Amino acid sequence: IAQYTSDQVERAIHEAMGLLERLLKAAEEGERTGSVIEILVLQALAHGAQANIPHALDPLERALTLAEPEGYVRIFVDEGEPMRDLLRQAAAGGIAGAYTRRLLSAFDDEAAPPVSTPAQVAAAELVEPLTAREVEILRLIAAGMRNQEIADQLFISLHTVKRHIANAYGKLGVSHRTEAVARANELNLL
């Protein structure tokens, strides 16, 4: 019975890995960095569940590289002890040194560190932080500018403006300009 259960688990992990690979490709094509990081974290955990640490460290290293500039913490810490073990392995291998140590120390913190700046409050309340360009475009929307005016002012295409707006809407959990501006104001982003 134990062998049968083990085979089922291995098969489920293998199927999950295939799905994660397809999701990763779609997230990369859509330039959804937060999703890419989350998928890489799940890939690392799946390899870790198979006790395949060398293969687990590859997607973990990539996730750390993408996450560090934006300061993601919860996406790793929320995965619990299996992620903590992988991060220890990463630290031992010299992967993303200071950032990995910071993540490991976050596991030890019983309470979240005090949040002092509006930007830190906003980052803590958003699943994925807004990029500087998304905040800039939201400020221009708040100033009453139309998409084409924003594109002209920032020297980018109308399509790019719309893509940034759509990304910001998704991160803010809104579907209209007025909601986006209100939510961004609520988070002290503007």
N, C-alpha and C. Protein backbone atom coordinates (compact mmCIF):
# COMPACT_ATOMS: atom_id res chain seq x y z
N ILE A 1 0.83 -1.19 0.00
CA ILE A 1 0.00 0.00 0.00
C ILE A 1 0.87 1.25 0.00
N ALA A 2 1.94 1.24 0.80
CA ALA A 2 2.83 2.40 0.87
C ALA A 2 3.45 2.68 -0.50
N GLN A 3 3.84 1.63 -1.22
CA GLN A 3 4.43 1.81 -2.55
C GLN A 3 3.40 2.41 -3.51
N TYR A 4 2.16 1.92 -3.43
CA TYR A 4 1.08 2.44 -4.28
C TYR A 4 0.88 3.93 -4.02
N THR A 5 0.84 4.32 -2.75
CA THR A 5 0.66 5.72 -2.38
C THR A 5 1.84 6.54 -2.85
N SER A 6 3.05 6.03 -2.69
CA SER A 6 4.24 6.73 -3.14
C SER A 6 4.21 6.94 -4.65
N ASP A 7 3.78 5.92 -5.39
CA ASP A 7 3.67 6.05 -6.84
C ASP A 7 2.65 7.12 -7.22
N GLN A 8 1.54 7.16 -6.50
CA GLN A 8 0.52 8.17 -6.76
C GLN A 8 1.07 9.58 -6.52
N VAL A 9 1.80 9.74 -5.45
CA VAL A 9 2.39 11.04 -5.12
C VAL A 9 3.37 11.45 -6.20
N GLU A 10 4.24 10.53 -6.61
CA GLU A 10 5.22 10.83 -7.66
C GLU A 10 4.52 11.22 -8.96
N ARG A 11 3.46 10.50 -9.30
CA ARG A 11 2.72 10.79 -10.53
C ARG A 11 2.07 12.18 -10.43
N ALA A 12 1.50 12.49 -9.29
CA ALA A 12 0.87 13.80 -9.09
C ALA A 12 1.90 14.92 -9.19
N ILE A 13 3.07 14.72 -8.60
CA ILE A 13 4.13 15.73 -8.68
C ILE A 13 4.58 15.90 -10.12
N HIS A 14 4.72 14.80 -10.84
CA HIS A 14 5.13 14.86 -12.24
C HIS A 14 4.10 15.63 -13.07
N GLU A 15 2.82 15.37 -12.85
CA GLU A 15 1.76 16.10 -13.56
C GLU A 15 1.79 17.58 -13.20
N ALA A 16 2.00 17.87 -11.92
CA ALA A 16 2.07 19.26 -11.47
C ALA A 16 3.24 19.98 -12.13
N MET A 17 4.37 19.29 -12.26
CA MET A 17 5.54 19.90 -12.90
C MET A 17 5.24 20.25 -14.35
N GLY A 18 4.53 19.38 -15.05
CA GLY A 18 4.15 19.68 -16.44
C GLY A 18 3.25 20.90 -16.52
N LEU A 19 2.28 20.97 -15.62
CA LEU A 19 1.38 22.11 -15.59
C LEU A 19 2.14 23.39 -15.25
N LEU A 20 3.02 23.31 -14.26
CA LEU A 20 3.80 24.49 -13.87
C LEU A 20 4.68 24.98 -15.01
N GLU A 21 5.22 24.07 -15.80
CA GLU A 21 6.05 24.46 -16.94
C GLU A 21 5.23 25.24 -17.96
N ARG A 22 4.01 24.77 -18.22
CA ARG A 22 3.13 25.48 -19.17
C ARG A 22 2.72 26.85 -18.61
N LEU A 23 2.40 26.89 -17.33
CA LEU A 23 2.03 28.16 -16.70
C LEU A 23 3.19 29.15 -16.71
N LEU A 24 4.39 28.63 -16.48
CA LEU A 24 5.58 29.48 -16.48
C LEU A 24 5.77 30.13 -17.85
N LYS A 25 5.64 29.34 -18.88
CA LYS A 25 5.81 29.87 -20.24
C LYS A 25 4.79 30.98 -20.51
N ALA A 26 3.53 30.75 -20.13
CA ALA A 26 2.49 31.76 -20.35
C ALA A 26 2.77 33.02 -19.52
N ALA A 27 3.21 32.86 -18.29
CA ALA A 27 3.50 34.02 -17.43
C ALA A 27 4.67 34.81 -17.97
N GLU A 28 5.68 34.12 -18.48
CA GLU A 28 6.84 34.81 -19.06
C GLU A 28 6.43 35.58 -20.31
N GLU A 29 5.62 34.95 -21.15
CA GLU A 29 5.17 35.62 -22.37
C GLU A 29 4.32 36.84 -22.04
N GLY A 30 3.55 36.76 -20.97
CA GLY A 30 2.72 37.88 -20.55
C GLY A 30 3.45 38.89 -19.68
N GLU A 31 4.73 38.67 -19.45
CA GLU A 31 5.57 39.56 -18.64
C GLU A 31 4.97 39.80 -17.26
N ARG A 32 4.44 38.75 -16.66
CA ARG A 32 3.85 38.82 -15.32
C ARG A 32 4.88 38.32 -14.30
N THR A 33 5.74 39.21 -13.89
CA THR A 33 6.86 38.84 -13.03
C THR A 33 6.41 38.17 -11.73
N GLY A 34 5.39 38.70 -11.10
CA GLY A 34 4.91 38.10 -9.85
C GLY A 34 4.47 36.67 -10.05
N SER A 35 3.77 36.41 -11.14
CA SER A 35 3.34 35.04 -11.44
C SER A 35 4.53 34.15 -11.74
N VAL A 36 5.51 34.68 -12.48
CA VAL A 36 6.72 33.90 -12.79
C VAL A 36 7.40 33.49 -11.49
N ILE A 37 7.54 34.42 -10.57
CA ILE A 37 8.20 34.12 -9.29
C ILE A 37 7.43 33.04 -8.54
N GLU A 38 6.11 33.19 -8.47
CA GLU A 38 5.29 32.22 -7.74
C GLU A 38 5.41 30.83 -8.36
N ILE A 39 5.40 30.75 -9.68
CA ILE A 39 5.51 29.45 -10.36
C ILE A 39 6.88 28.84 -10.11
N LEU A 40 7.93 29.65 -10.17
CA LEU A 40 9.28 29.14 -9.90
C LEU A 40 9.39 28.62 -8.47
N VAL A 41 8.76 29.31 -7.53
CA VAL A 41 8.74 28.85 -6.14
C VAL A 41 8.07 27.48 -6.05
N LEU A 42 6.94 27.34 -6.74
CA LEU A 42 6.23 26.05 -6.72
C LEU A 42 7.04 24.95 -7.39
N GLN A 43 7.76 25.29 -8.46
CA GLN A 43 8.62 24.29 -9.10
C GLN A 43 9.71 23.84 -8.13
N ALA A 44 10.31 24.80 -7.44
CA ALA A 44 11.35 24.46 -6.47
C ALA A 44 10.80 23.55 -5.38
N LEU A 45 9.61 23.86 -4.89
CA LEU A 45 9.00 23.03 -3.85
C LEU A 45 8.68 21.63 -4.36
N ALA A 46 8.23 21.53 -5.61
CA ALA A 46 7.92 20.22 -6.18
C ALA A 46 9.19 19.37 -6.29
N HIS A 47 10.28 19.97 -6.75
CA HIS A 47 11.55 19.23 -6.81
C HIS A 47 12.01 18.87 -5.40
N GLY A 48 11.83 19.80 -4.46
CA GLY A 48 12.19 19.52 -3.08
C GLY A 48 11.39 18.38 -2.49
N ALA A 49 10.11 18.29 -2.85
CA ALA A 49 9.26 17.20 -2.37
C ALA A 49 9.74 15.85 -2.89
N GLN A 50 10.45 15.88 -4.01
CA GLN A 50 11.02 14.65 -4.57
C GLN A 50 12.45 14.43 -4.06
N ALA A 51 12.87 15.25 -3.11
CA ALA A 51 14.22 15.20 -2.55
C ALA A 51 15.28 15.41 -3.62
N ASN A 52 14.95 16.19 -4.64
CA ASN A 52 15.88 16.50 -5.72
C ASN A 52 16.37 17.93 -5.53
N ILE A 53 17.23 18.12 -4.55
CA ILE A 53 17.66 19.46 -4.15
C ILE A 53 18.39 20.20 -5.28
N PRO A 54 19.32 19.56 -6.02
CA PRO A 54 19.97 20.30 -7.11
C PRO A 54 18.96 20.87 -8.12
N HIS A 55 17.95 20.09 -8.47
CA HIS A 55 16.94 20.59 -9.40
C HIS A 55 16.03 21.62 -8.74
N ALA A 56 15.85 21.54 -7.45
CA ALA A 56 15.02 22.51 -6.73
C ALA A 56 15.70 23.87 -6.67
N LEU A 57 17.02 23.87 -6.57
CA LEU A 57 17.75 25.13 -6.43
C LEU A 57 17.78 25.95 -7.72
N ASP A 58 17.63 25.31 -8.88
CA ASP A 58 17.64 26.06 -10.14
C ASP A 58 16.47 27.04 -10.23
N PRO A 59 15.21 26.56 -10.11
CA PRO A 59 14.11 27.54 -10.17
C PRO A 59 14.11 28.47 -8.95
N LEU A 60 14.57 27.99 -7.81
CA LEU A 60 14.62 28.85 -6.63
C LEU A 60 15.59 30.01 -6.85
N GLU A 61 16.74 29.72 -7.42
CA GLU A 61 17.72 30.78 -7.69
C GLU A 61 17.13 31.82 -8.64
N ARG A 62 16.45 31.35 -9.66
CA ARG A 62 15.83 32.27 -10.62
C ARG A 62 14.74 33.10 -9.93
N ALA A 63 13.94 32.47 -9.08
CA ALA A 63 12.90 33.19 -8.34
C ALA A 63 13.52 34.26 -7.44
N LEU A 64 14.59 33.91 -6.76
CA LEU A 64 15.26 34.87 -5.89
C LEU A 64 15.82 36.05 -6.68
N THR A 65 16.38 35.76 -7.84
CA THR A 65 16.95 36.81 -8.68
C THR A 65 15.86 37.79 -9.13
N LEU A 66 14.70 37.27 -9.49
CA LEU A 66 13.59 38.13 -9.92
C LEU A 66 12.94 38.85 -8.75
N ALA A 67 12.87 38.21 -7.60
CA ALA A 67 12.16 38.76 -6.45
C ALA A 67 12.96 39.80 -5.68
N GLU A 68 14.26 39.67 -5.66
CA GLU A 68 15.09 40.55 -4.84
C GLU A 68 14.91 42.03 -5.15
N PRO A 69 14.92 42.47 -6.43
CA PRO A 69 14.79 43.91 -6.69
C PRO A 69 13.49 44.52 -6.16
N GLU A 70 12.43 43.72 -6.12
CA GLU A 70 11.14 44.22 -5.64
C GLU A 70 10.93 43.94 -4.15
N GLY A 71 11.81 43.17 -3.55
CA GLY A 71 11.74 42.92 -2.12
C GLY A 71 10.66 41.95 -1.67
N TYR A 72 10.30 41.00 -2.53
CA TYR A 72 9.30 40.00 -2.15
C TYR A 72 9.78 39.20 -0.94
N VAL A 73 8.91 38.99 0.02
CA VAL A 73 9.22 38.17 1.19
C VAL A 73 8.13 37.12 1.39
N ARG A 74 6.88 37.57 1.46
CA ARG A 74 5.76 36.67 1.78
C ARG A 74 5.65 35.50 0.81
N ILE A 75 5.94 35.73 -0.45
CA ILE A 75 5.80 34.67 -1.45
C ILE A 75 6.68 33.46 -1.10
N PHE A 76 7.76 33.71 -0.38
CA PHE A 76 8.64 32.63 0.07
C PHE A 76 8.22 32.13 1.45
N VAL A 77 8.04 33.07 2.38
CA VAL A 77 7.77 32.72 3.77
C VAL A 77 6.44 31.98 3.92
N ASP A 78 5.46 32.34 3.11
CA ASP A 78 4.15 31.69 3.21
C ASP A 78 4.19 30.21 2.85
N GLU A 79 5.25 29.76 2.22
CA GLU A 79 5.36 28.34 1.84
C GLU A 79 5.85 27.46 2.99
N GLY A 80 6.22 28.07 4.10
CA GLY A 80 6.53 27.32 5.30
C GLY A 80 7.86 26.59 5.31
N GLU A 81 7.89 25.55 6.12
CA GLU A 81 9.13 24.82 6.40
C GLU A 81 9.82 24.24 5.15
N PRO A 82 9.08 23.68 4.18
CA PRO A 82 9.78 23.17 2.99
C PRO A 82 10.58 24.27 2.28
N MET A 83 10.03 25.49 2.22
CA MET A 83 10.76 26.58 1.58
C MET A 83 11.93 27.01 2.45
N ARG A 84 11.73 27.02 3.75
CA ARG A 84 12.82 27.38 4.65
C ARG A 84 14.01 26.43 4.44
N ASP A 85 13.72 25.13 4.31
CA ASP A 85 14.79 24.16 4.07
C ASP A 85 15.51 24.43 2.76
N LEU A 86 14.74 24.75 1.71
CA LEU A 86 15.36 25.05 0.41
C LEU A 86 16.20 26.33 0.49
N LEU A 87 15.70 27.33 1.20
CA LEU A 87 16.46 28.57 1.35
C LEU A 87 17.76 28.33 2.12
N ARG A 88 17.72 27.44 3.10
CA ARG A 88 18.95 27.09 3.81
C ARG A 88 19.96 26.46 2.86
N GLN A 89 19.46 25.57 2.00
CA GLN A 89 20.34 24.95 0.99
C GLN A 89 20.90 26.01 0.05
N ALA A 90 20.04 26.95 -0.35
CA ALA A 90 20.48 28.03 -1.24
C ALA A 90 21.55 28.88 -0.56
N ALA A 91 21.33 29.20 0.70
CA ALA A 91 22.31 30.01 1.45
C ALA A 91 23.64 29.27 1.56
N ALA A 92 23.57 27.97 1.81
CA ALA A 92 24.79 27.17 1.91
C ALA A 92 25.53 27.15 0.58
N GLY A 93 24.79 27.24 -0.51
CA GLY A 93 25.40 27.25 -1.85
C GLY A 93 25.76 28.64 -2.33
N GLY A 94 25.56 29.65 -1.49
CA GLY A 94 25.92 31.01 -1.85
C GLY A 94 24.96 31.67 -2.84
N ILE A 95 23.73 31.18 -2.91
CA ILE A 95 22.75 31.72 -3.85
C ILE A 95 22.07 32.94 -3.23
N ALA A 96 22.14 34.07 -3.92
CA ALA A 96 21.48 35.33 -3.51
C ALA A 96 21.76 35.65 -2.05
N GLY A 97 22.99 35.55 -1.65
CA GLY A 97 23.48 35.70 -0.28
C GLY A 97 22.65 36.51 0.69
N ALA A 98 22.74 37.84 0.63
CA ALA A 98 22.10 38.69 1.63
C ALA A 98 20.58 38.56 1.57
N TYR A 99 20.03 38.46 0.38
CA TYR A 99 18.57 38.35 0.24
C TYR A 99 18.07 37.03 0.83
N THR A 100 18.78 35.95 0.56
CA THR A 100 18.40 34.65 1.11
C THR A 100 18.46 34.69 2.64
N ARG A 101 19.48 35.31 3.19
CA ARG A 101 19.58 35.43 4.65
C ARG A 101 18.43 36.27 5.21
N ARG A 102 18.06 37.31 4.47
CA ARG A 102 16.93 38.15 4.90
C ARG A 102 15.64 37.33 4.92
N LEU A 103 15.44 36.51 3.91
CA LEU A 103 14.24 35.66 3.86
C LEU A 103 14.25 34.66 5.01
N LEU A 104 15.39 34.08 5.28
CA LEU A 104 15.49 33.12 6.38
C LEU A 104 15.19 33.80 7.72
N SER A 105 15.65 35.03 7.88
CA SER A 105 15.37 35.73 9.13
C SER A 105 13.88 36.07 9.24
N ALA A 106 13.20 36.22 8.11
CA ALA A 106 11.76 36.50 8.13
C ALA A 106 10.99 35.31 8.69
N PHE A 107 11.52 34.10 8.50
CA PHE A 107 10.87 32.92 9.08
C PHE A 107 10.94 32.98 10.61
N ASP A 108 11.99 33.58 11.13
CA ASP A 108 12.19 33.63 12.58
C ASP A 108 11.38 34.74 13.25
N ASP A 109 10.97 35.73 12.47
CA ASP A 109 10.20 36.84 13.03
C ASP A 109 8.78 36.38 13.35
N GLU A 110 8.40 36.50 14.60
CA GLU A 110 7.03 36.10 14.98
C GLU A 110 6.02 37.10 14.48
N ALA A 111 6.39 38.36 14.47
CA ALA A 111 5.50 39.40 13.97
C ALA A 111 6.19 40.11 12.82
N ALA A 112 5.40 40.67 11.95
CA ALA A 112 5.95 41.42 10.82
C ALA A 112 6.70 42.63 11.36
N PRO A 113 7.78 43.02 10.71
CA PRO A 113 8.50 44.20 11.16
C PRO A 113 7.61 45.44 11.02
N PRO A 114 7.82 46.44 11.87
CA PRO A 114 6.99 47.63 11.78
C PRO A 114 7.13 48.28 10.41
N VAL A 115 5.99 48.70 9.89
CA VAL A 115 5.99 49.34 8.58
C VAL A 115 5.93 50.83 8.82
N SER A 116 6.88 51.56 8.23
CA SER A 116 6.96 52.96 8.57
C SER A 116 6.67 53.91 7.42
N THR A 117 6.91 53.51 6.19
CA THR A 117 6.70 54.44 5.09
C THR A 117 5.46 54.05 4.30
N PRO A 118 4.83 55.01 3.63
CA PRO A 118 3.67 54.68 2.81
C PRO A 118 3.99 53.64 1.74
N ALA A 119 5.18 53.70 1.17
CA ALA A 119 5.55 52.73 0.13
C ALA A 119 5.61 51.32 0.73
N GLN A 120 6.11 51.20 1.96
CA GLN A 120 6.17 49.89 2.60
C GLN A 120 4.77 49.39 2.94
N VAL A 121 3.88 50.29 3.35
CA VAL A 121 2.50 49.90 3.62
C VAL A 121 1.86 49.39 2.35
N ALA A 122 2.04 50.12 1.26
CA ALA A 122 1.45 49.72 -0.03
C ALA A 122 1.98 48.38 -0.47
N ALA A 123 3.29 48.18 -0.36
CA ALA A 123 3.88 46.91 -0.78
C ALA A 123 3.35 45.76 0.07
N ALA A 124 3.13 46.02 1.35
CA ALA A 124 2.63 44.97 2.24
C ALA A 124 1.19 44.60 1.91
N GLU A 125 0.41 45.56 1.39
CA GLU A 125 -0.99 45.31 1.12
C GLU A 125 -1.24 44.79 -0.29
N LEU A 126 -0.27 44.88 -1.18
CA LEU A 126 -0.43 44.40 -2.54
C LEU A 126 0.19 43.02 -2.68
N VAL A 127 -0.46 42.17 -3.46
CA VAL A 127 0.09 40.85 -3.73
C VAL A 127 1.41 40.99 -4.49
N GLU A 128 1.42 41.90 -5.45
CA GLU A 128 2.61 42.16 -6.24
C GLU A 128 2.78 43.68 -6.29
N PRO A 129 3.95 44.20 -5.97
CA PRO A 129 4.13 45.66 -5.96
C PRO A 129 3.97 46.26 -7.36
N LEU A 130 3.50 47.50 -7.39
CA LEU A 130 3.42 48.22 -8.66
C LEU A 130 4.82 48.64 -9.08
N THR A 131 5.06 48.64 -10.38
CA THR A 131 6.34 49.12 -10.88
C THR A 131 6.33 50.64 -10.84
N ALA A 132 7.51 51.24 -10.96
CA ALA A 132 7.61 52.70 -10.97
C ALA A 132 6.80 53.28 -12.12
N ARG A 133 6.85 52.63 -13.28
CA ARG A 133 6.12 53.11 -14.46
C ARG A 133 4.61 53.03 -14.22
N GLU A 134 4.14 51.97 -13.57
CA GLU A 134 2.71 51.85 -13.29
C GLU A 134 2.25 52.95 -12.34
N VAL A 135 3.05 53.27 -11.34
CA VAL A 135 2.72 54.35 -10.41
C VAL A 135 2.70 55.68 -11.16
N GLU A 136 3.69 55.89 -12.02
CA GLU A 136 3.77 57.12 -12.80
C GLU A 136 2.52 57.29 -13.66
N ILE A 137 2.10 56.22 -14.31
CA ILE A 137 0.91 56.28 -15.16
C ILE A 137 -0.34 56.51 -14.32
N LEU A 138 -0.42 55.90 -13.14
CA LEU A 138 -1.57 56.14 -12.26
C LEU A 138 -1.62 57.61 -11.82
N ARG A 139 -0.47 58.21 -11.60
CA ARG A 139 -0.44 59.64 -11.23
C ARG A 139 -0.99 60.50 -12.37
N LEU A 140 -0.62 60.14 -13.59
CA LEU A 140 -1.11 60.90 -14.75
C LEU A 140 -2.61 60.68 -14.95
N ILE A 141 -3.08 59.47 -14.68
CA ILE A 141 -4.53 59.21 -14.74
C ILE A 141 -5.24 60.06 -13.69
N ALA A 142 -4.66 60.11 -12.48
CA ALA A 142 -5.25 60.90 -11.41
C ALA A 142 -5.29 62.38 -11.77
N ALA A 143 -4.34 62.81 -12.60
CA ALA A 143 -4.30 64.21 -13.05
C ALA A 143 -5.31 64.46 -14.17
N GLY A 144 -6.03 63.41 -14.58
CA GLY A 144 -7.08 63.58 -15.58
C GLY A 144 -6.65 63.35 -17.02
N MET A 145 -5.46 62.82 -17.21
CA MET A 145 -4.97 62.61 -18.58
C MET A 145 -5.59 61.36 -19.20
N ARG A 146 -5.81 61.42 -20.52
CA ARG A 146 -6.29 60.27 -21.27
C ARG A 146 -5.10 59.42 -21.67
N ASN A 147 -5.37 58.19 -22.10
CA ASN A 147 -4.30 57.24 -22.44
C ASN A 147 -3.36 57.80 -23.50
N GLN A 148 -3.90 58.39 -24.55
CA GLN A 148 -3.05 58.91 -25.62
C GLN A 148 -2.17 60.06 -25.12
N GLU A 149 -2.72 60.90 -24.25
CA GLU A 149 -1.93 61.99 -23.67
C GLU A 149 -0.79 61.43 -22.82
N ILE A 150 -1.08 60.38 -22.08
CA ILE A 150 -0.04 59.74 -21.26
C ILE A 150 1.05 59.17 -22.16
N ALA A 151 0.64 58.49 -23.23
CA ALA A 151 1.61 57.92 -24.17
C ALA A 151 2.49 59.01 -24.76
N ASP A 152 1.89 60.12 -25.15
CA ASP A 152 2.66 61.23 -25.73
C ASP A 152 3.64 61.82 -24.72
N GLN A 153 3.18 62.00 -23.49
CA GLN A 153 4.04 62.60 -22.46
C GLN A 153 5.22 61.70 -22.10
N LEU A 154 4.97 60.38 -22.05
CA LEU A 154 6.02 59.44 -21.62
C LEU A 154 6.83 58.86 -22.78
N PHE A 155 6.47 59.26 -24.01
CA PHE A 155 7.16 58.77 -25.20
C PHE A 155 7.12 57.25 -25.31
N ILE A 156 5.92 56.71 -25.07
CA ILE A 156 5.70 55.28 -25.23
C ILE A 156 4.44 55.09 -26.07
N SER A 157 4.22 53.88 -26.54
CA SER A 157 3.06 53.64 -27.39
C SER A 157 1.78 53.58 -26.56
N LEU A 158 0.66 53.81 -27.23
CA LEU A 158 -0.64 53.70 -26.59
C LEU A 158 -0.84 52.29 -26.04
N HIS A 159 -0.40 51.29 -26.82
CA HIS A 159 -0.52 49.89 -26.39
C HIS A 159 0.24 49.67 -25.08
N THR A 160 1.43 50.24 -24.97
CA THR A 160 2.23 50.08 -23.75
C THR A 160 1.53 50.72 -22.55
N VAL A 161 0.94 51.88 -22.76
CA VAL A 161 0.19 52.54 -21.69
C VAL A 161 -0.95 51.64 -21.23
N LYS A 162 -1.69 51.09 -22.20
CA LYS A 162 -2.82 50.22 -21.85
C LYS A 162 -2.35 48.97 -21.11
N ARG A 163 -1.19 48.43 -21.51
CA ARG A 163 -0.66 47.24 -20.84
C ARG A 163 -0.30 47.57 -19.39
N HIS A 164 0.37 48.72 -19.18
CA HIS A 164 0.71 49.12 -17.81
C HIS A 164 -0.54 49.34 -16.97
N ILE A 165 -1.57 49.95 -17.56
CA ILE A 165 -2.81 50.19 -16.84
C ILE A 165 -3.47 48.86 -16.47
N ALA A 166 -3.51 47.93 -17.42
CA ALA A 166 -4.11 46.61 -17.14
C ALA A 166 -3.35 45.89 -16.03
N ASN A 167 -2.02 45.96 -16.07
CA ASN A 167 -1.21 45.33 -15.02
C ASN A 167 -1.50 45.97 -13.66
N ALA A 168 -1.59 47.30 -13.64
CA ALA A 168 -1.87 48.01 -12.38
C ALA A 168 -3.26 47.64 -11.86
N TYR A 169 -4.25 47.56 -12.75
CA TYR A 169 -5.60 47.17 -12.34
C TYR A 169 -5.56 45.80 -11.66
N GLY A 170 -4.85 44.87 -12.28
CA GLY A 170 -4.77 43.52 -11.72
C GLY A 170 -4.13 43.51 -10.34
N LYS A 171 -3.06 44.27 -10.18
CA LYS A 171 -2.36 44.31 -8.90
C LYS A 171 -3.19 45.01 -7.82
N LEU A 172 -3.97 46.02 -8.24
CA LEU A 172 -4.79 46.76 -7.29
C LEU A 172 -6.14 46.10 -7.05
N GLY A 173 -6.50 45.15 -7.90
CA GLY A 173 -7.78 44.47 -7.76
C GLY A 173 -8.96 45.34 -8.14
N VAL A 174 -8.78 46.15 -9.18
CA VAL A 174 -9.84 47.06 -9.65
C VAL A 174 -10.08 46.84 -11.13
N SER A 175 -11.13 47.49 -11.65
CA SER A 175 -11.41 47.34 -13.08
C SER A 175 -11.70 48.66 -13.78
N HIS A 176 -11.62 49.78 -13.07
CA HIS A 176 -11.89 51.09 -13.67
C HIS A 176 -10.86 52.11 -13.21
N ARG A 177 -10.71 53.16 -14.00
CA ARG A 177 -9.74 54.22 -13.70
C ARG A 177 -10.00 54.86 -12.33
N THR A 178 -11.25 55.19 -12.08
CA THR A 178 -11.56 55.87 -10.81
C THR A 178 -11.28 54.96 -9.62
N GLU A 179 -11.57 53.66 -9.77
CA GLU A 179 -11.27 52.70 -8.70
C GLU A 179 -9.76 52.61 -8.50
N ALA A 180 -9.01 52.60 -9.61
CA ALA A 180 -7.55 52.49 -9.53
C ALA A 180 -6.96 53.68 -8.79
N VAL A 181 -7.42 54.87 -9.13
CA VAL A 181 -6.92 56.08 -8.48
C VAL A 181 -7.29 56.07 -6.99
N ALA A 182 -8.53 55.69 -6.70
CA ALA A 182 -8.97 55.65 -5.29
C ALA A 182 -8.14 54.64 -4.50
N ARG A 183 -7.93 53.46 -5.07
CA ARG A 183 -7.16 52.42 -4.37
C ARG A 183 -5.70 52.86 -4.19
N ALA A 184 -5.12 53.46 -5.22
CA ALA A 184 -3.74 53.93 -5.13
C ALA A 184 -3.62 55.03 -4.08
N ASN A 185 -4.60 55.91 -4.00
CA ASN A 185 -4.60 56.95 -2.96
C ASN A 185 -4.73 56.32 -1.58
N GLU A 186 -5.59 55.33 -1.47
CA GLU A 186 -5.79 54.62 -0.20
C GLU A 186 -4.49 53.99 0.28
N LEU A 187 -3.66 53.53 -0.67
CA LEU A 187 -2.39 52.89 -0.33
C LEU A 187 -1.22 53.89 -0.28
N ASN A 188 -1.56 55.18 -0.40
CA ASN A 188 -0.54 56.25 -0.38
C ASN A 188 0.50 56.09 -1.48
N LEU A 189 0.06 55.65 -2.65
CA LEU A 189 0.99 55.49 -3.77
C LEU A 189 1.08 56.74 -4.63
N LEU A 190 0.09 57.61 -4.51
CA LEU A 190 0.06 58.81 -5.37
C LEU A 190 0.44 60.05 -4.60
